[in-house]
PDB file of N, CA and C in Angstrom:
ATOM      1  N   MET A   1      20.310 -23.681  48.562  1.00  0.00           N
ATOM      2  CA  MET A   1      19.895 -23.129  47.264  1.00  0.00           C
ATOM      3  C   MET A   1      18.878 -23.765  46.577  1.00  0.00           C
ATOM      4  N   THR A   2      17.775 -23.000  46.347  1.00  0.00           N
ATOM      5  CA  THR A   2      16.539 -23.684  45.474  1.00  0.00           C
ATOM      6  C   THR A   2      16.651 -23.490  44.022  1.00  0.00           C
ATOM      7  N   ARG A   3      16.058 -24.588  43.402  1.00  0.00           N
ATOM      8  CA  ARG A   3      16.086 -24.490  42.165  1.00  0.00           C
ATOM      9  C   ARG A   3      14.859 -24.028  41.502  1.00  0.00           C
ATOM     10  N   LYS A   4      14.811 -23.303  40.538  1.00  0.00           N
ATOM     11  CA  LYS A   4      13.607 -22.783  39.999  1.00  0.00           C
ATOM     12  C   LYS A   4      13.181 -23.625  38.778  1.00  0.00           C
ATOM     13  N   GLU A   5      12.013 -23.806  38.557  1.00  0.00           N
ATOM     14  CA  GLU A   5      11.370 -24.697  37.649  1.00  0.00           C
ATOM     15  C   GLU A   5      11.133 -23.635  36.282  1.00  0.00           C
ATOM     16  N   HIS A   6      11.706 -24.094  35.141  1.00  0.00           N
ATOM     17  CA  HIS A   6      11.625 -23.354  34.181  1.00  0.00           C
ATOM     18  C   HIS A   6      10.916 -24.207  32.941  1.00  0.00           C
ATOM     19  N   SER A   7       9.859 -23.588  32.471  1.00  0.00           N
ATOM     20  CA  SER A   7       9.150 -24.154  31.279  1.00  0.00           C
ATOM     21  C   SER A   7       9.864 -23.914  30.219  1.00  0.00           C
ATOM     22  N   PRO A   8       9.761 -25.063  29.245  1.00  0.00           N
ATOM     23  CA  PRO A   8      10.404 -24.741  27.845  1.00  0.00           C
ATOM     24  C   PRO A   8       9.831 -23.606  26.999  1.00  0.00           C
ATOM     25  N   GLY A   9      10.712 -23.043  26.309  1.00  0.00           N
ATOM     26  CA  GLY A   9      10.140 -21.865  25.598  1.00  0.00           C
ATOM     27  C   GLY A   9       9.934 -22.339  24.224  1.00  0.00           C
ATOM     28  N   THR A  10       9.238 -21.180  23.458  1.00  0.00           N
ATOM     29  CA  THR A  10       9.088 -21.560  22.078  1.00  0.00           C
ATOM     30  C   THR A  10      10.146 -20.953  21.341  1.00  0.00           C
ATOM     31  N   ASP A  11      10.017 -21.018  19.992  1.00  0.00           N
ATOM     32  CA  ASP A  11      11.031 -20.259  18.986  1.00  0.00           C
ATOM     33  C   ASP A  11      10.577 -18.787  18.984  1.00  0.00           C
ATOM     34  N   ASN A  12       9.518 -18.243  19.602  1.00  0.00           N
ATOM     35  CA  ASN A  12       9.175 -16.946  19.679  1.00  0.00           C
ATOM     36  C   ASN A  12       9.360 -16.346  20.882  1.00  0.00           C
ATOM     37  N   VAL A  13      10.411 -15.529  21.219  1.00  0.00           N
ATOM     38  CA  VAL A  13      10.642 -14.856  22.397  1.00  0.00           C
ATOM     39  C   VAL A  13       9.557 -13.849  22.811  1.00  0.00           C
ATOM     40  N   LEU A  14       8.982 -13.372  21.850  1.00  0.00           N
ATOM     41  CA  LEU A  14       7.792 -12.342  22.185  1.00  0.00           C
ATOM     42  C   LEU A  14       6.613 -13.200  22.674  1.00  0.00           C
ATOM     43  N   LEU A  15       6.331 -14.335  22.350  1.00  0.00           N
ATOM     44  CA  LEU A  15       5.286 -15.254  22.931  1.00  0.00           C
ATOM     45  C   LEU A  15       5.617 -15.696  24.178  1.00  0.00           C
ATOM     46  N   ASP A  16       6.885 -15.967  24.303  1.00  0.00           N
ATOM     47  CA  ASP A  16       7.401 -16.611  25.614  1.00  0.00           C
ATOM     48  C   ASP A  16       7.130 -15.466  26.660  1.00  0.00           C
ATOM     49  N   LEU A  17       7.359 -14.290  26.204  1.00  0.00           N
ATOM     50  CA  LEU A  17       7.171 -13.085  27.261  1.00  0.00           C
ATOM     51  C   LEU A  17       5.601 -12.614  27.479  1.00  0.00           C
ATOM     52  N   GLY A  18       4.770 -13.240  26.763  1.00  0.00           N
ATOM     53  CA  GLY A  18       3.346 -13.122  26.968  1.00  0.00           C
ATOM     54  C   GLY A  18       2.590 -12.117  26.163  1.00  0.00           C
ATOM     55  N   PHE A  19       3.293 -11.550  24.852  1.00  0.00           N
ATOM     56  CA  PHE A  19       2.674 -10.788  24.160  1.00  0.00           C
ATOM     57  C   PHE A  19       1.496 -11.422  23.334  1.00  0.00           C
ATOM     58  N   GLU A  20       0.383 -10.891  23.374  1.00  0.00           N
ATOM     59  CA  GLU A  20      -0.706 -11.567  22.711  1.00  0.00           C
ATOM     60  C   GLU A  20      -0.711 -11.462  21.092  1.00  0.00           C
ATOM     61  N   ASP A  21      -0.082 -10.362  20.794  1.00  0.00           N
ATOM     62  CA  ASP A  21       0.365 -10.299  19.200  1.00  0.00           C
ATOM     63  C   ASP A  21       1.770 -10.606  18.831  1.00  0.00           C
ATOM     64  N   ALA A  22       2.167 -11.603  19.420  1.00  0.00           N
ATOM     65  CA  ALA A  22       3.710 -11.947  19.254  1.00  0.00           C
ATOM     66  C   ALA A  22       3.722 -12.329  17.819  1.00  0.00           C
ATOM     67  N   ALA A  23       2.967 -13.019  17.160  1.00  0.00           N
ATOM     68  CA  ALA A  23       3.284 -13.297  15.651  1.00  0.00           C
ATOM     69  C   ALA A  23       3.343 -12.154  14.717  1.00  0.00           C
ATOM     70  N   GLU A  24       2.456 -11.294  14.959  1.00  0.00           N
ATOM     71  CA  GLU A  24       2.524  -9.941  14.324  1.00  0.00           C
ATOM     72  C   GLU A  24       3.650  -9.025  14.533  1.00  0.00           C
ATOM     73  N   LEU A  25       3.853  -8.957  15.902  1.00  0.00           N
ATOM     74  CA  LEU A  25       5.196  -8.235  16.225  1.00  0.00           C
ATOM     75  C   LEU A  25       6.410  -8.889  15.601  1.00  0.00           C
ATOM     76  N   SER A  26       6.544 -10.093  15.500  1.00  0.00           N
ATOM     77  CA  SER A  26       7.758 -10.971  14.930  1.00  0.00           C
ATOM     78  C   SER A  26       7.779 -10.706  13.614  1.00  0.00           C
ATOM     79  N   ALA A  27       6.621 -10.644  12.812  1.00  0.00           N
ATOM     80  CA  ALA A  27       6.568 -10.341  11.232  1.00  0.00           C
ATOM     81  C   ALA A  27       7.047  -8.887  11.053  1.00  0.00           C
ATOM     82  N   LYS A  28       6.556  -7.980  11.764  1.00  0.00           N
ATOM     83  CA  LYS A  28       6.880  -6.543  11.615  1.00  0.00           C
ATOM     84  C   LYS A  28       8.302  -6.378  11.845  1.00  0.00           C
ATOM     85  N   ALA A  29       8.859  -6.883  12.953  1.00  0.00           N
ATOM     86  CA  ALA A  29      10.372  -6.840  13.247  1.00  0.00           C
ATOM     87  C   ALA A  29      11.096  -7.430  11.996  1.00  0.00           C
ATOM     88  N   ALA A  30      10.734  -8.526  11.489  1.00  0.00           N
ATOM     89  CA  ALA A  30      11.449  -9.038  10.282  1.00  0.00           C
ATOM     90  C   ALA A  30      11.409  -8.190   9.123  1.00  0.00           C
ATOM     91  N   LEU A  31      10.350  -7.671   8.907  1.00  0.00           N
ATOM     92  CA  LEU A  31      10.173  -6.696   7.733  1.00  0.00           C
ATOM     93  C   LEU A  31      10.912  -5.461   7.967  1.00  0.00           C
ATOM     94  N   ALA A  32      10.882  -4.852   9.061  1.00  0.00           N
ATOM     95  CA  ALA A  32      11.567  -3.644   9.513  1.00  0.00           C
ATOM     96  C   ALA A  32      13.093  -3.842   9.518  1.00  0.00           C
ATOM     97  N   LEU A  33      13.606  -5.057   9.728  1.00  0.00           N
ATOM     98  CA  LEU A  33      14.986  -5.435   9.717  1.00  0.00           C
ATOM     99  C   LEU A  33      15.387  -5.448   8.374  1.00  0.00           C
ATOM    100  N   LYS A  34      14.670  -6.126   7.397  1.00  0.00           N
ATOM    101  CA  LYS A  34      15.056  -5.906   5.927  1.00  0.00           C
ATOM    102  C   LYS A  34      14.872  -4.518   5.443  1.00  0.00           C
ATOM    103  N   LEU A  35      14.010  -3.906   5.729  1.00  0.00           N
ATOM    104  CA  LEU A  35      13.779  -2.472   5.334  1.00  0.00           C
ATOM    105  C   LEU A  35      15.177  -1.815   5.725  1.00  0.00           C
ATOM    106  N   ASN A  36      15.453  -1.840   7.064  1.00  0.00           N
ATOM    107  CA  ASN A  36      16.727  -1.012   7.597  1.00  0.00           C
ATOM    108  C   ASN A  36      17.849  -1.382   6.916  1.00  0.00           C
ATOM    109  N   GLU A  37      18.029  -2.678   6.638  1.00  0.00           N
ATOM    110  CA  GLU A  37      19.197  -3.387   5.794  1.00  0.00           C
ATOM    111  C   GLU A  37      19.359  -2.760   4.382  1.00  0.00           C
ATOM    112  N   LEU A  38      18.158  -2.617   3.789  1.00  0.00           N
ATOM    113  CA  LEU A  38      18.150  -1.846   2.517  1.00  0.00           C
ATOM    114  C   LEU A  38      18.455  -0.295   2.539  1.00  0.00           C
ATOM    115  N   ILE A  39      17.962   0.346   3.533  1.00  0.00           N
ATOM    116  CA  ILE A  39      18.311   1.547   3.656  1.00  0.00           C
ATOM    117  C   ILE A  39      19.790   1.871   3.961  1.00  0.00           C
ATOM    118  N   ASP A  40      20.181   1.098   4.750  1.00  0.00           N
ATOM    119  CA  ASP A  40      21.769   1.060   5.152  1.00  0.00           C
ATOM    120  C   ASP A  40      22.585   0.771   3.762  1.00  0.00           C
ATOM    121  N   GLN A  41      22.209  -0.169   3.075  1.00  0.00           N
ATOM    122  CA  GLN A  41      22.893  -0.682   1.853  1.00  0.00           C
ATOM    123  C   GLN A  41      23.026   0.471   0.924  1.00  0.00           C
ATOM    124  N   ARG A  42      21.886   1.095   0.689  1.00  0.00           N
ATOM    125  CA  ARG A  42      21.862   2.184  -0.364  1.00  0.00           C
ATOM    126  C   ARG A  42      22.341   3.507   0.222  1.00  0.00           C
ATOM    127  N   GLY A  43      22.624   3.568   1.550  1.00  0.00           N
ATOM    128  CA  GLY A  43      23.182   4.881   2.157  1.00  0.00           C
ATOM    129  C   GLY A  43      22.229   6.006   2.001  1.00  0.00           C
ATOM    130  N   LEU A  44      20.910   5.623   2.267  1.00  0.00           N
ATOM    131  CA  LEU A  44      19.816   6.700   2.367  1.00  0.00           C
ATOM    132  C   LEU A  44      19.688   7.359   3.575  1.00  0.00           C
ATOM    133  N   SER A  45      19.389   8.646   3.555  1.00  0.00           N
ATOM    134  CA  SER A  45      19.159   9.398   4.796  1.00  0.00           C
ATOM    135  C   SER A  45      17.573   9.105   5.123  1.00  0.00           C
ATOM    136  N   GLN A  46      17.222   9.386   6.139  1.00  0.00           N
ATOM    137  CA  GLN A  46      15.784   9.051   6.408  1.00  0.00           C
ATOM    138  C   GLN A  46      14.850   9.940   5.748  1.00  0.00           C
ATOM    139  N   ILE A  47      15.350  10.969   5.370  1.00  0.00           N
ATOM    140  CA  ILE A  47      14.424  12.007   4.379  1.00  0.00           C
ATOM    141  C   ILE A  47      14.341  11.160   3.201  1.00  0.00           C
ATOM    142  N   GLU A  48      15.530  10.640   2.636  1.00  0.00           N
ATOM    143  CA  GLU A  48      15.525  10.105   1.152  1.00  0.00           C
ATOM    144  C   GLU A  48      14.709   9.001   1.311  1.00  0.00           C
ATOM    145  N   ALA A  49      14.725   8.118   2.362  1.00  0.00           N
ATOM    146  CA  ALA A  49      14.072   6.908   2.566  1.00  0.00           C
ATOM    147  C   ALA A  49      12.467   7.193   2.475  1.00  0.00           C
ATOM    148  N   ALA A  50      12.239   8.327   3.092  1.00  0.00           N
ATOM    149  CA  ALA A  50      10.881   8.719   3.235  1.00  0.00           C
ATOM    150  C   ALA A  50      10.165   9.008   1.951  1.00  0.00           C
ATOM    151  N   ALA A  51      10.843   9.900   1.145  1.00  0.00           N
ATOM    152  CA  ALA A  51      10.608  10.096  -0.335  1.00  0.00           C
ATOM    153  C   ALA A  51      10.313   9.008  -1.161  1.00  0.00           C
ATOM    154  N   ILE A  52      11.139   8.037  -0.984  1.00  0.00           N
ATOM    155  CA  ILE A  52      11.206   6.763  -1.720  1.00  0.00           C
ATOM    156  C   ILE A  52       9.910   5.952  -1.514  1.00  0.00           C
ATOM    157  N   THR A  53       9.809   5.876  -0.050  1.00  0.00           N
ATOM    158  CA  THR A  53       8.572   4.958   0.227  1.00  0.00           C
ATOM    159  C   THR A  53       7.336   5.477   0.641  1.00  0.00           C
ATOM    160  N   GLY A  54       7.405   6.994   0.447  1.00  0.00           N
ATOM    161  CA  GLY A  54       6.085   7.493   0.486  1.00  0.00           C
ATOM    162  C   GLY A  54       5.480   7.847   2.022  1.00  0.00           C
ATOM    163  N   MET A  55       6.584   7.662   2.886  1.00  0.00           N
ATOM    164  CA  MET A  55       6.386   7.709   4.334  1.00  0.00           C
ATOM    165  C   MET A  55       6.776   9.135   4.716  1.00  0.00           C
ATOM    166  N   THR A  56       6.530   9.509   5.928  1.00  0.00           N
ATOM    167  CA  THR A  56       6.885  10.694   6.510  1.00  0.00           C
ATOM    168  C   THR A  56       8.344  10.383   7.140  1.00  0.00           C
ATOM    169  N   GLN A  57       9.271  11.426   7.268  1.00  0.00           N
ATOM    170  CA  GLN A  57      10.576  11.079   7.897  1.00  0.00           C
ATOM    171  C   GLN A  57      10.289  10.549   9.431  1.00  0.00           C
ATOM    172  N   PRO A  58       9.404  11.139  10.119  1.00  0.00           N
ATOM    173  CA  PRO A  58       9.221  10.539  11.456  1.00  0.00           C
ATOM    174  C   PRO A  58       8.919   9.200  11.502  1.00  0.00           C
ATOM    175  N   LYS A  59       8.037   8.622  10.420  1.00  0.00           N
ATOM    176  CA  LYS A  59       7.727   7.171  10.389  1.00  0.00           C
ATOM    177  C   LYS A  59       9.004   6.241  10.127  1.00  0.00           C
ATOM    178  N   VAL A  60       9.695   6.787   9.055  1.00  0.00           N
ATOM    179  CA  VAL A  60      11.069   6.085   8.928  1.00  0.00           C
ATOM    180  C   VAL A  60      11.980   5.959  10.120  1.00  0.00           C
ATOM    181  N   SER A  61      12.085   7.178  10.731  1.00  0.00           N
ATOM    182  CA  SER A  61      12.676   7.138  12.152  1.00  0.00           C
ATOM    183  C   SER A  61      12.158   5.942  13.170  1.00  0.00           C
ATOM    184  N   GLN A  62      10.789   5.924  13.151  1.00  0.00           N
ATOM    185  CA  GLN A  62      10.350   4.920  14.120  1.00  0.00           C
ATOM    186  C   GLN A  62      10.779   3.603  13.642  1.00  0.00           C
ATOM    187  N   ILE A  63      10.710   3.266  12.210  1.00  0.00           N
ATOM    188  CA  ILE A  63      11.135   1.996  11.816  1.00  0.00           C
ATOM    189  C   ILE A  63      12.680   1.757  12.017  1.00  0.00           C
ATOM    190  N   ARG A  64      13.520   2.808  11.946  1.00  0.00           N
ATOM    191  CA  ARG A  64      14.694   2.603  12.020  1.00  0.00           C
ATOM    192  C   ARG A  64      15.133   2.443  13.719  1.00  0.00           C
ATOM    193  N   ARG A  65      14.318   2.754  14.375  1.00  0.00           N
ATOM    194  CA  ARG A  65      14.398   2.481  15.837  1.00  0.00           C
ATOM    195  C   ARG A  65      13.605   1.237  16.351  1.00  0.00           C
ATOM    196  N   TYR A  66      12.868   0.699  15.316  1.00  0.00           N
ATOM    197  CA  TYR A  66      11.947  -0.543  15.685  1.00  0.00           C
ATOM    198  C   TYR A  66      10.974  -0.285  16.607  1.00  0.00           C
ATOM    199  N   LYS A  67      10.415   0.937  16.522  1.00  0.00           N
ATOM    200  CA  LYS A  67       9.315   1.400  17.223  1.00  0.00           C
ATOM    201  C   LYS A  67       8.103   1.171  16.332  1.00  0.00           C
ATOM    202  N   LEU A  68       7.493   0.027  16.308  1.00  0.00           N
ATOM    203  CA  LEU A  68       6.638  -0.431  15.309  1.00  0.00           C
ATOM    204  C   LEU A  68       5.069  -0.406  15.517  1.00  0.00           C
ATOM    205  N   GLN A  69       4.797  -0.023  16.777  1.00  0.00           N
ATOM    206  CA  GLN A  69       3.396  -0.032  17.256  1.00  0.00           C
ATOM    207  C   GLN A  69       2.391   0.697  16.316  1.00  0.00           C
ATOM    208  N   ASN A  70       2.590   1.771  15.606  1.00  0.00           N
ATOM    209  CA  ASN A  70       1.843   2.496  14.915  1.00  0.00           C
ATOM    210  C   ASN A  70       1.974   2.309  13.471  1.00  0.00           C
ATOM    211  N   ILE A  71       2.740   1.197  13.023  1.00  0.00           N
ATOM    212  CA  ILE A  71       3.101   0.868  11.659  1.00  0.00           C
ATOM    213  C   ILE A  71       2.483  -0.497  11.208  1.00  0.00           C
ATOM    214  N   SER A  72       1.811  -0.549  10.116  1.00  0.00           N
ATOM    215  CA  SER A  72       1.024  -1.750   9.863  1.00  0.00           C
ATOM    216  C   SER A  72       2.060  -2.644   9.022  1.00  0.00           C
ATOM    217  N   LEU A  73       1.600  -3.924   9.135  1.00  0.00           N
ATOM    218  CA  LEU A  73       2.378  -4.930   8.203  1.00  0.00           C
ATOM    219  C   LEU A  73       2.329  -4.500   6.759  1.00  0.00           C
ATOM    220  N   GLU A  74       1.111  -3.957   6.301  1.00  0.00           N
ATOM    221  CA  GLU A  74       0.828  -3.694   5.060  1.00  0.00           C
ATOM    222  C   GLU A  74       1.768  -2.433   4.678  1.00  0.00           C
ATOM    223  N   ARG A  75       1.932  -1.529   5.389  1.00  0.00           N
ATOM    224  CA  ARG A  75       2.799  -0.330   5.296  1.00  0.00           C
ATOM    225  C   ARG A  75       4.290  -0.733   5.283  1.00  0.00           C
ATOM    226  N   LEU A  76       4.625  -1.528   5.917  1.00  0.00           N
ATOM    227  CA  LEU A  76       5.982  -2.110   5.782  1.00  0.00           C
ATOM    228  C   LEU A  76       6.354  -2.995   4.539  1.00  0.00           C
ATOM    229  N   MET A  77       5.298  -3.539   4.091  1.00  0.00           N
ATOM    230  CA  MET A  77       5.310  -4.457   2.700  1.00  0.00           C
ATOM    231  C   MET A  77       5.472  -3.487   1.731  1.00  0.00           C
ATOM    232  N   ARG A  78       4.510  -2.533   1.691  1.00  0.00           N
ATOM    233  CA  ARG A  78       4.677  -1.341   0.645  1.00  0.00           C
ATOM    234  C   ARG A  78       5.950  -0.573   0.589  1.00  0.00           C
ATOM    235  N   ALA A  79       6.511  -0.337   1.757  1.00  0.00           N
ATOM    236  CA  ALA A  79       7.686   0.322   1.798  1.00  0.00           C
ATOM    237  C   ALA A  79       8.832  -0.565   1.133  1.00  0.00           C
ATOM    238  N   LEU A  80       8.884  -1.944   1.388  1.00  0.00           N
ATOM    239  CA  LEU A  80       9.846  -2.762   0.773  1.00  0.00           C
ATOM    240  C   LEU A  80       9.708  -2.909  -0.719  1.00  0.00           C
ATOM    241  N   VAL A  81       8.359  -2.955  -1.266  1.00  0.00           N
ATOM    242  CA  VAL A  81       8.240  -2.845  -2.687  1.00  0.00           C
ATOM    243  C   VAL A  81       8.735  -1.659  -3.252  1.00  0.00           C
ATOM    244  N   SER A  82       8.488  -0.647  -2.600  1.00  0.00           N
ATOM    245  CA  SER A  82       8.961   0.755  -3.214  1.00  0.00           C
ATOM    246  C   SER A  82      10.411   0.762  -3.385  1.00  0.00           C
ATOM    247  N   LEU A  83      11.358  -0.189  -2.410  1.00  0.00           N
ATOM    248  CA  LEU A  83      12.562  -0.237  -2.562  1.00  0.00           C
ATOM    249  C   LEU A  83      12.933  -1.424  -3.364  1.00  0.00           C
ATOM    250  N   ASP A  84      12.191  -1.868  -4.506  1.00  0.00           N
ATOM    251  CA  ASP A  84      12.428  -2.783  -5.430  1.00  0.00           C
ATOM    252  C   ASP A  84      12.611  -4.284  -5.083  1.00  0.00           C
ATOM    253  N   GLN A  85      11.810  -4.529  -3.822  1.00  0.00           N
ATOM    254  CA  GLN A  85      11.575  -5.865  -3.223  1.00  0.00           C
ATOM    255  C   GLN A  85      10.508  -6.573  -3.704  1.00  0.00           C
ATOM    256  N   HIS A  86      10.404  -7.724  -3.747  1.00  0.00           N
ATOM    257  CA  HIS A  86       9.363  -8.709  -3.969  1.00  0.00           C
ATOM    258  C   HIS A  86       8.708  -9.225  -2.760  1.00  0.00           C
ATOM    259  N   VAL A  87       7.476  -8.927  -2.354  1.00  0.00           N
ATOM    260  CA  VAL A  87       7.086  -9.503  -1.136  1.00  0.00           C
ATOM    261  C   VAL A  87       5.943 -10.418  -1.545  1.00  0.00           C
ATOM    262  N   GLU A  88       6.256 -11.525  -0.868  1.00  0.00           N
ATOM    263  CA  GLU A  88       5.138 -12.746  -1.227  1.00  0.00           C
ATOM    264  C   GLU A  88       4.420 -13.072  -0.013  1.00  0.00           C
ATOM    265  N   ILE A  89       3.126 -13.256   0.013  1.00  0.00           N
ATOM    266  CA  ILE A  89       2.373 -13.756   1.035  1.00  0.00           C
ATOM    267  C   ILE A  89       1.889 -15.280   0.754  1.00  0.00           C
ATOM    268  N   VAL A  90       2.296 -16.437   1.473  1.00  0.00           N
ATOM    269  CA  VAL A  90       2.035 -17.599   1.206  1.00  0.00           C
ATOM    270  C   VAL A  90       1.088 -18.186   2.277  1.00  0.00           C
ATOM    271  N   VAL A  91      -0.003 -18.646   2.109  1.00  0.00           N
ATOM    272  CA  VAL A  91      -0.889 -19.305   3.001  1.00  0.00           C
ATOM    273  C   VAL A  91      -1.074 -20.788   2.720  1.00  0.00           C
ATOM    274  N   GLU A  92      -0.770 -21.630   3.607  1.00  0.00           N
ATOM    275  CA  GLU A  92      -0.819 -23.110   3.660  1.00  0.00           C
ATOM    276  C   GLU A  92      -1.227 -23.658   4.942  1.00  0.00           C
ATOM    277  N   PRO A  93      -1.755 -24.878   4.817  1.00  0.00           N
ATOM    278  CA  PRO A  93      -2.261 -25.453   6.042  1.00  0.00           C
ATOM    279  C   PRO A  93      -0.971 -25.650   7.062  1.00  0.00           C
ATOM    280  N   ALA A  94      -1.247 -25.468   8.338  1.00  0.00           N
ATOM    281  CA  ALA A  94      -0.381 -25.678   9.419  1.00  0.00           C
ATOM    282  C   ALA A  94      -0.116 -27.093   9.360  1.00  0.00           C
ATOM    283  N   ARG A  95       1.268 -27.605   9.610  1.00  0.00           N
ATOM    284  CA  ARG A  95       1.658 -28.908   9.686  1.00  0.00           C
ATOM    285  C   ARG A  95       1.991 -29.165  11.306  1.00  0.00           C
ATOM    286  N   ARG A  96       2.249 -30.308  11.492  1.00  0.00           N
ATOM    287  CA  ARG A  96       2.418 -30.819  12.946  1.00  0.00           C
ATOM    288  C   ARG A  96       3.611 -29.975  13.516  1.00  0.00           C
ATOM    289  N   ALA A  97       4.540 -30.109  12.446  1.00  0.00           N
ATOM    290  CA  ALA A  97       6.077 -29.387  13.165  1.00  0.00           C
ATOM    291  C   ALA A  97       5.775 -27.885  13.316  1.00  0.00           C
ATOM    292  N   HIS A  98       4.746 -27.146  12.770  1.00  0.00           N
ATOM    293  CA  HIS A  98       4.585 -25.911  12.713  1.00  0.00           C
ATOM    294  C   HIS A  98       3.141 -25.501  13.164  1.00  0.00           C
ATOM    295  N   ALA A  99       3.176 -24.695  14.224  1.00  0.00           N
ATOM    296  CA  ALA A  99       1.732 -24.496  14.866  1.00  0.00           C
ATOM    297  C   ALA A  99       1.203 -23.268  13.828  1.00  0.00           C
ATOM    298  N   PRO A 100      -0.158 -22.996  13.710  1.00  0.00           N
ATOM    299  CA  PRO A 100      -0.702 -21.896  13.018  1.00  0.00           C
ATOM    300  C   PRO A 100      -0.156 -20.703  13.638  1.00  0.00           C
ATOM    301  N   GLY A 101       0.165 -19.546  12.576  1.00  0.00           N
ATOM    302  CA  GLY A 101       0.723 -18.429  13.005  1.00  0.00           C
ATOM    303  C   GLY A 101       1.151 -17.820  11.701  1.00  0.00           C
ATOM    304  N   ILE A 102       2.177 -16.755  11.980  1.00  0.00           N
ATOM    305  CA  ILE A 102       2.606 -15.896  10.907  1.00  0.00           C
ATOM    306  C   ILE A 102       4.101 -16.165  10.784  1.00  0.00           C
ATOM    307  N   THR A 103       4.698 -16.281   9.696  1.00  0.00           N
ATOM    308  CA  THR A 103       6.086 -16.446   9.723  1.00  0.00           C
ATOM    309  C   THR A 103       6.612 -15.490   8.515  1.00  0.00           C
ATOM    310  N   VAL A 104       7.766 -14.805   8.725  1.00  0.00           N
ATOM    311  CA  VAL A 104       8.340 -13.963   7.741  1.00  0.00           C
ATOM    312  C   VAL A 104       9.754 -14.446   7.526  1.00  0.00           C
ATOM    313  N   ALA A 105       9.996 -14.606   6.277  1.00  0.00           N
ATOM    314  CA  ALA A 105      11.391 -15.016   5.977  1.00  0.00           C
ATOM    315  C   ALA A 105      11.897 -13.802   5.014  1.00  0.00           C
ATOM    316  N   ALA A 106      12.908 -13.009   5.590  1.00  0.00           N
ATOM    317  CA  ALA A 106      13.244 -11.923   4.741  1.00  0.00           C
ATOM    318  C   ALA A 106      14.842 -12.127   4.429  1.00  0.00           C
TER     319      ALA A 106
END
């Protein structure tokens, strides 16, 4: 039985899988998760969520299914604001413990 060598992973599975835009994808996923939680908490249909956020129902459907390729970070942030959320962007120097990149805490 042969043993396979494994390289240590990062905290970002998308980066480990080789996605070049892993940081952006992770940020989008975190924002979409929060958006979906709010839609669920409020019991909104996709049509109702679309009306509140100014998106089309098909765009809301994409977010509900985490199909985020054609949805910008800005659009996700605006949707959260339309659902009475405060979105804050903080820029600070990277520290040794954290490599440069994008982090979303939702």
